[in-house]
All heavy atoms as atom14 arrays in JSON, in Angstrom:
{
  "sequence": "ISRKSYSANFSPMTTVMRLFTGEAIPLPELL",
  "atom14_mask": [
    [1, 1, 1, 1, 1, 1, 1, 1, 0, 0, 0, 0, 0, 0],
    [1, 1, 1, 1, 1, 1, 0, 0, 0, 0, 0, 0, 0, 0],
    [1, 1, 1, 1, 1, 1, 1, 1, 1, 1, 1, 0, 0, 0],
    [1, 1, 1, 1, 1, 1, 1, 1, 1, 0, 0, 0, 0, 0],
    [1, 1, 1, 1, 1, 1, 0, 0, 0, 0, 0, 0, 0, 0],
    [1, 1, 1, 1, 1, 1, 1, 1, 1, 1, 1, 1, 0, 0],
    [1, 1, 1, 1, 1, 1, 0, 0, 0, 0, 0, 0, 0, 0],
    [1, 1, 1, 1, 1, 0, 0, 0, 0, 0, 0, 0, 0, 0],
    [1, 1, 1, 1, 1, 1, 1, 1, 0, 0, 0, 0, 0, 0],
    [1, 1, 1, 1, 1, 1, 1, 1, 1, 1, 1, 0, 0, 0],
    [1, 1, 1, 1, 1, 1, 0, 0, 0, 0, 0, 0, 0, 0],
    [1, 1, 1, 1, 1, 1, 1, 0, 0, 0, 0, 0, 0, 0],
    [1, 1, 1, 1, 1, 1, 1, 1, 0, 0, 0, 0, 0, 0],
    [1, 1, 1, 1, 1, 1, 1, 0, 0, 0, 0, 0, 0, 0],
    [1, 1, 1, 1, 1, 1, 1, 0, 0, 0, 0, 0, 0, 0],
    [1, 1, 1, 1, 1, 1, 1, 0, 0, 0, 0, 0, 0, 0],
    [1, 1, 1, 1, 1, 1, 1, 1, 0, 0, 0, 0, 0, 0],
    [1, 1, 1, 1, 1, 1, 1, 1, 1, 1, 1, 0, 0, 0],
    [1, 1, 1, 1, 1, 1, 1, 1, 0, 0, 0, 0, 0, 0],
    [1, 1, 1, 1, 1, 1, 1, 1, 1, 1, 1, 0, 0, 0],
    [1, 1, 1, 1, 1, 1, 1, 0, 0, 0, 0, 0, 0, 0],
    [1, 1, 1, 1, 0, 0, 0, 0, 0, 0, 0, 0, 0, 0],
    [1, 1, 1, 1, 1, 1, 1, 1, 1, 0, 0, 0, 0, 0],
    [1, 1, 1, 1, 1, 0, 0, 0, 0, 0, 0, 0, 0, 0],
    [1, 1, 1, 1, 1, 1, 1, 1, 0, 0, 0, 0, 0, 0],
    [1, 1, 1, 1, 1, 1, 1, 0, 0, 0, 0, 0, 0, 0],
    [1, 1, 1, 1, 1, 1, 1, 1, 0, 0, 0, 0, 0, 0],
    [1, 1, 1, 1, 1, 1, 1, 0, 0, 0, 0, 0, 0, 0],
    [1, 1, 1, 1, 1, 1, 1, 1, 1, 0, 0, 0, 0, 0],
    [1, 1, 1, 1, 1, 1, 1, 1, 0, 0, 0, 0, 0, 0],
    [1, 1, 1, 1, 1, 1, 1, 1, 0, 0, 0, 0, 0, 0]
  ],
  "atom14_positions": [
    [[-75.12, -34.37, -13.88], [-75.95, -33.73, -12.9], [-75.09, -33.21, -11.71], [-75.3, -32.1, -11.23], [-76.96, -34.74, -12.37], [-78.1, -34.93, -13.39], [-77.63, -34.23, -11.04], [-79.15, -35.92, -12.98], [0.0, 0.0, 0.0], [0.0, 0.0, 0.0], [0.0, 0.0, 0.0], [0.0, 0.0, 0.0], [0.0, 0.0, 0.0], [0.0, 0.0, 0.0]],
    [[-74.1, -33.99, -11.35], [-73.3, -33.58, -10.17], [-72.19, -32.6, -10.52], [-71.86, -31.77, -9.72], [-72.66, -34.85, -9.52], [-71.82, -35.52, -10.45], [0.0, 0.0, 0.0], [0.0, 0.0, 0.0], [0.0, 0.0, 0.0], [0.0, 0.0, 0.0], [0.0, 0.0, 0.0], [0.0, 0.0, 0.0], [0.0, 0.0, 0.0], [0.0, 0.0, 0.0]],
    [[-71.63, -32.72, -11.74], [-70.48, -31.85, -12.04], [-70.6, -31.13, -13.34], [-69.72, -30.32, -13.72], [-69.22, -32.75, -12.08], [-68.94, -33.42, -10.74], [-67.57, -34.19, -10.79], [-67.38, -34.9, -9.58], [-66.84, -34.35, -8.47], [-66.52, -33.09, -8.48], [-66.63, -35.09, -7.39], [0.0, 0.0, 0.0], [0.0, 0.0, 0.0], [0.0, 0.0, 0.0]],
    [[-71.62, -31.37, -14.16], [-71.75, -30.76, -15.47], [-70.52, -30.96, -16.34], [-70.01, -30.05, -16.94], [-72.13, -29.28, -15.37], [-73.53, -29.01, -14.85], [-73.97, -27.65, -15.16], [-75.47, -27.5, -14.83], [-76.0, -26.18, -15.17], [0.0, 0.0, 0.0], [0.0, 0.0, 0.0], [0.0, 0.0, 0.0], [0.0, 0.0, 0.0], [0.0, 0.0, 0.0]],
    [[-70.05, -32.21, -16.35], [-68.83, -32.55, -17.12], [-69.15, -32.49, -18.61], [-70.16, -33.0, -19.08], [-68.38, -33.95, -16.7], [-67.33, -34.39, -17.56], [0.0, 0.0, 0.0], [0.0, 0.0, 0.0], [0.0, 0.0, 0.0], [0.0, 0.0, 0.0], [0.0, 0.0, 0.0], [0.0, 0.0, 0.0], [0.0, 0.0, 0.0], [0.0, 0.0, 0.0]],
    [[-68.25, -31.86, -19.38], [-68.43, -31.75, -20.83], [-68.37, -33.13, -21.51], [-69.16, -33.39, -22.4], [-67.36, -30.84, -21.39], [-67.37, -30.71, -22.92], [-68.28, -29.83, -23.55], [-66.51, -31.45, -23.72], [-68.32, -29.72, -24.91], [-66.55, -31.36, -25.12], [-67.48, -30.47, -25.69], [-67.53, -30.38, -27.07], [0.0, 0.0, 0.0], [0.0, 0.0, 0.0]],
    [[-67.49, -34.0, -21.03], [-67.32, -35.3, -21.63], [-68.53, -36.17, -21.44], [-68.71, -37.16, -22.16], [-66.05, -35.98, -21.11], [-66.14, -36.14, -19.7], [0.0, 0.0, 0.0], [0.0, 0.0, 0.0], [0.0, 0.0, 0.0], [0.0, 0.0, 0.0], [0.0, 0.0, 0.0], [0.0, 0.0, 0.0], [0.0, 0.0, 0.0], [0.0, 0.0, 0.0]],
    [[-69.36, -35.87, -20.43], [-70.53, -36.69, -20.16], [-71.56, -36.59, -21.27], [-72.49, -37.43, -21.33], [-71.17, -36.27, -18.83], [0.0, 0.0, 0.0], [0.0, 0.0, 0.0], [0.0, 0.0, 0.0], [0.0, 0.0, 0.0], [0.0, 0.0, 0.0], [0.0, 0.0, 0.0], [0.0, 0.0, 0.0], [0.0, 0.0, 0.0], [0.0, 0.0, 0.0]],
    [[-71.42, -35.63, -22.2], [-72.39, -35.45, -23.24], [-72.27, -36.52, -24.37], [-73.12, -36.52, -25.24], [-72.24, -34.07, -23.85], [-72.7, -32.93, -22.93], [-73.88, -32.74, -22.76], [-71.76, -32.26, -22.33], [0.0, 0.0, 0.0], [0.0, 0.0, 0.0], [0.0, 0.0, 0.0], [0.0, 0.0, 0.0], [0.0, 0.0, 0.0], [0.0, 0.0, 0.0]],
    [[-71.27, -37.39, -24.3], [-71.2, -38.43, -25.3], [-72.33, -39.42, -25.11], [-72.74, -40.1, -26.06], [-69.88, -39.13, -25.27], [-69.74, -40.19, -24.2], [-70.13, -41.51, -24.47], [-69.26, -39.86, -22.96], [-70.05, -42.49, -23.51], [-69.15, -40.88, -21.97], [-69.52, -42.16, -22.23], [0.0, 0.0, 0.0], [0.0, 0.0, 0.0], [0.0, 0.0, 0.0]],
    [[-72.89, -39.52, -23.91], [-73.99, -40.42, -23.64], [-75.31, -39.79, -24.18], [-75.64, -38.68, -23.79], [-74.11, -40.73, -22.17], [-75.34, -41.37, -21.85], [0.0, 0.0, 0.0], [0.0, 0.0, 0.0], [0.0, 0.0, 0.0], [0.0, 0.0, 0.0], [0.0, 0.0, 0.0], [0.0, 0.0, 0.0], [0.0, 0.0, 0.0], [0.0, 0.0, 0.0]],
    [[-76.07, -40.51, -24.97], [-77.32, -39.95, -25.46], [-78.3, -39.72, -24.33], [-79.19, -38.84, -24.43], [-77.84, -41.03, -26.42], [-77.1, -42.25, -26.1], [-75.78, -41.8, -25.58], [0.0, 0.0, 0.0], [0.0, 0.0, 0.0], [0.0, 0.0, 0.0], [0.0, 0.0, 0.0], [0.0, 0.0, 0.0], [0.0, 0.0, 0.0], [0.0, 0.0, 0.0]],
    [[-78.22, -40.43, -23.22], [-79.11, -40.2, -22.1], [-78.85, -38.85, -21.48], [-79.79, -38.14, -21.08], [-78.94, -41.3, -21.03], [-79.9, -41.14, -19.86], [-79.79, -42.47, -18.63], [-80.63, -43.77, -19.51], [0.0, 0.0, 0.0], [0.0, 0.0, 0.0], [0.0, 0.0, 0.0], [0.0, 0.0, 0.0], [0.0, 0.0, 0.0], [0.0, 0.0, 0.0]],
    [[-77.61, -38.4, -21.44], [-77.29, -37.06, -20.92], [-77.97, -36.0, -21.81], [-78.58, -35.07, -21.34], [-75.79, -36.82, -20.93], [-75.15, -37.84, -20.12], [-75.48, -35.45, -20.34], [0.0, 0.0, 0.0], [0.0, 0.0, 0.0], [0.0, 0.0, 0.0], [0.0, 0.0, 0.0], [0.0, 0.0, 0.0], [0.0, 0.0, 0.0], [0.0, 0.0, 0.0]],
    [[-77.84, -36.16, -23.14], [-78.42, -35.21, -24.04], [-79.95, -35.21, -24.0], [-80.57, -34.15, -23.98], [-77.98, -35.51, -25.48], [-76.57, -35.58, -25.56], [-78.44, -34.45, -26.49], [0.0, 0.0, 0.0], [0.0, 0.0, 0.0], [0.0, 0.0, 0.0], [0.0, 0.0, 0.0], [0.0, 0.0, 0.0], [0.0, 0.0, 0.0], [0.0, 0.0, 0.0]],
    [[-80.56, -36.39, -23.9], [-82.03, -36.49, -23.8], [-82.47, -35.82, -22.52], [-83.48, -35.09, -22.49], [-82.44, -37.98, -23.84], [-83.9, -38.11, -23.38], [-82.3, -38.5, -25.25], [0.0, 0.0, 0.0], [0.0, 0.0, 0.0], [0.0, 0.0, 0.0], [0.0, 0.0, 0.0], [0.0, 0.0, 0.0], [0.0, 0.0, 0.0], [0.0, 0.0, 0.0]],
    [[-81.74, -36.07, -21.43], [-82.11, -35.47, -20.13], [-82.09, -33.94, -20.24], [-82.96, -33.24, -19.71], [-81.14, -35.94, -19.07], [-81.39, -35.41, -17.68], [-80.16, -36.03, -16.53], [-78.68, -35.22, -17.19], [0.0, 0.0, 0.0], [0.0, 0.0, 0.0], [0.0, 0.0, 0.0], [0.0, 0.0, 0.0], [0.0, 0.0, 0.0], [0.0, 0.0, 0.0]],
    [[-81.09, -33.38, -20.89], [-81.01, -31.97, -21.03], [-82.06, -31.41, -22.0], [-82.59, -30.29, -21.82], [-79.59, -31.55, -21.58], [-78.45, -31.96, -20.62], [-77.13, -31.66, -21.21], [-76.91, -30.21, -21.4], [-75.86, -29.69, -22.02], [-74.94, -30.49, -22.57], [-75.72, -28.37, -22.12], [0.0, 0.0, 0.0], [0.0, 0.0, 0.0], [0.0, 0.0, 0.0]],
    [[-82.42, -32.2, -22.97], [-83.43, -31.76, -23.97], [-84.81, -31.7, -23.34], [-85.54, -30.69, -23.5], [-83.46, -32.69, -25.15], [-82.31, -32.55, -26.15], [-82.33, -33.69, -27.18], [-82.4, -31.22, -26.89], [0.0, 0.0, 0.0], [0.0, 0.0, 0.0], [0.0, 0.0, 0.0], [0.0, 0.0, 0.0], [0.0, 0.0, 0.0], [0.0, 0.0, 0.0]],
    [[-85.23, -32.75, -22.63], [-86.59, -32.76, -22.17], [-86.79, -31.8, -20.95], [-87.94, -31.5, -20.53], [-87.14, -34.18, -21.81], [-86.51, -34.85, -20.63], [-86.63, -34.35, -19.35], [-85.83, -36.05, -20.8], [-86.1, -35.02, -18.25], [-85.28, -36.7, -19.7], [-85.41, -36.19, -18.45], [0.0, 0.0, 0.0], [0.0, 0.0, 0.0], [0.0, 0.0, 0.0]],
    [[-85.7, -31.3, -20.39], [-85.82, -30.28, -19.34], [-85.79, -28.87, -19.94], [-85.88, -27.87, -19.2], [-84.71, -30.41, -18.3], [-83.42, -30.42, -18.96], [-84.87, -31.67, -17.46], [0.0, 0.0, 0.0], [0.0, 0.0, 0.0], [0.0, 0.0, 0.0], [0.0, 0.0, 0.0], [0.0, 0.0, 0.0], [0.0, 0.0, 0.0], [0.0, 0.0, 0.0]],
    [[-85.62, -28.75, -21.22], [-85.64, -27.46, -21.92], [-84.3, -26.72, -21.85], [-84.27, -25.52, -22.17], [0.0, 0.0, 0.0], [0.0, 0.0, 0.0], [0.0, 0.0, 0.0], [0.0, 0.0, 0.0], [0.0, 0.0, 0.0], [0.0, 0.0, 0.0], [0.0, 0.0, 0.0], [0.0, 0.0, 0.0], [0.0, 0.0, 0.0], [0.0, 0.0, 0.0]],
    [[-83.24, -27.38, -21.5], [-81.92, -26.7, -21.41], [-81.43, -26.45, -22.81], [-81.54, -27.29, -23.71], [-80.95, -27.59, -20.65], [-79.55, -27.0, -20.48], [-78.64, -27.9, -19.73], [-79.13, -28.86, -19.03], [-77.42, -27.68, -19.76], [0.0, 0.0, 0.0], [0.0, 0.0, 0.0], [0.0, 0.0, 0.0], [0.0, 0.0, 0.0], [0.0, 0.0, 0.0]],
    [[-80.83, -25.28, -22.96], [-80.23, -24.92, -24.29], [-78.88, -25.64, -24.42], [-77.99, -25.49, -23.59], [-80.0, -23.43, -24.37], [0.0, 0.0, 0.0], [0.0, 0.0, 0.0], [0.0, 0.0, 0.0], [0.0, 0.0, 0.0], [0.0, 0.0, 0.0], [0.0, 0.0, 0.0], [0.0, 0.0, 0.0], [0.0, 0.0, 0.0], [0.0, 0.0, 0.0]],
    [[-78.77, -26.49, -25.46], [-77.54, -27.29, -25.68], [-76.77, -26.75, -26.86], [-77.32, -26.67, -27.96], [-77.92, -28.78, -25.89], [-78.83, -29.29, -24.78], [-76.7, -29.64, -26.05], [-79.28, -30.71, -24.95], [0.0, 0.0, 0.0], [0.0, 0.0, 0.0], [0.0, 0.0, 0.0], [0.0, 0.0, 0.0], [0.0, 0.0, 0.0], [0.0, 0.0, 0.0]],
    [[-75.5, -26.41, -26.63], [-74.67, -25.98, -27.77], [-74.57, -27.09, -28.82], [-74.61, -28.28, -28.46], [-73.29, -25.69, -27.12], [-73.62, -25.44, -25.69], [-74.83, -26.31, -25.35], [0.0, 0.0, 0.0], [0.0, 0.0, 0.0], [0.0, 0.0, 0.0], [0.0, 0.0, 0.0], [0.0, 0.0, 0.0], [0.0, 0.0, 0.0], [0.0, 0.0, 0.0]],
    [[-74.46, -26.7, -30.08], [-74.46, -27.66, -31.17], [-73.33, -28.71, -31.03], [-73.61, -29.91, -31.27], [-74.31, -26.94, -32.5], [-74.38, -27.81, -33.76], [-75.74, -28.57, -33.81], [-74.2, -26.98, -35.02], [0.0, 0.0, 0.0], [0.0, 0.0, 0.0], [0.0, 0.0, 0.0], [0.0, 0.0, 0.0], [0.0, 0.0, 0.0], [0.0, 0.0, 0.0]],
    [[-72.15, -28.36, -30.64], [-71.05, -29.39, -30.46], [-71.43, -30.46, -29.46], [-71.17, -31.64, -29.66], [-69.82, -28.62, -30.03], [-70.06, -27.23, -30.54], [-71.53, -27.0, -30.47], [0.0, 0.0, 0.0], [0.0, 0.0, 0.0], [0.0, 0.0, 0.0], [0.0, 0.0, 0.0], [0.0, 0.0, 0.0], [0.0, 0.0, 0.0], [0.0, 0.0, 0.0]],
    [[-72.11, -30.03, -28.35], [-72.45, -31.0, -27.35], [-73.61, -31.87, -27.8], [-73.71, -33.07, -27.46], [-72.82, -30.31, -26.05], [-71.64, -29.52, -25.45], [-72.06, -28.81, -24.15], [-73.14, -29.1, -23.6], [-71.27, -27.92, -23.68], [0.0, 0.0, 0.0], [0.0, 0.0, 0.0], [0.0, 0.0, 0.0], [0.0, 0.0, 0.0], [0.0, 0.0, 0.0]],
    [[-74.5, -31.32, -28.62], [-75.61, -32.06, -29.17], [-75.12, -33.09, -30.15], [-75.6, -34.22, -30.19], [-76.64, -31.13, -29.81], [-77.9, -31.75, -30.4], [-78.69, -32.44, -29.33], [-78.74, -30.67, -31.1], [0.0, 0.0, 0.0], [0.0, 0.0, 0.0], [0.0, 0.0, 0.0], [0.0, 0.0, 0.0], [0.0, 0.0, 0.0], [0.0, 0.0, 0.0]],
    [[-74.14, -32.67, -30.99], [-73.63, -33.6, -32.01], [-72.78, -34.66, -31.41], [-72.6, -35.76, -32.01], [-72.82, -32.79, -33.07], [-73.66, -31.83, -33.93], [-72.68, -31.09, -34.88], [-74.67, -32.62, -34.78], [0.0, 0.0, 0.0], [0.0, 0.0, 0.0], [0.0, 0.0, 0.0], [0.0, 0.0, 0.0], [0.0, 0.0, 0.0], [0.0, 0.0, 0.0]]
  ]
}
């Protein structure tokens, strides 16, 4: 949220947060 760090996507909570807000997530970050 504060820095949009790429490495933060390893946490499933980060991915879920981006998903339920409708953000388009690139496949590598989703995987």
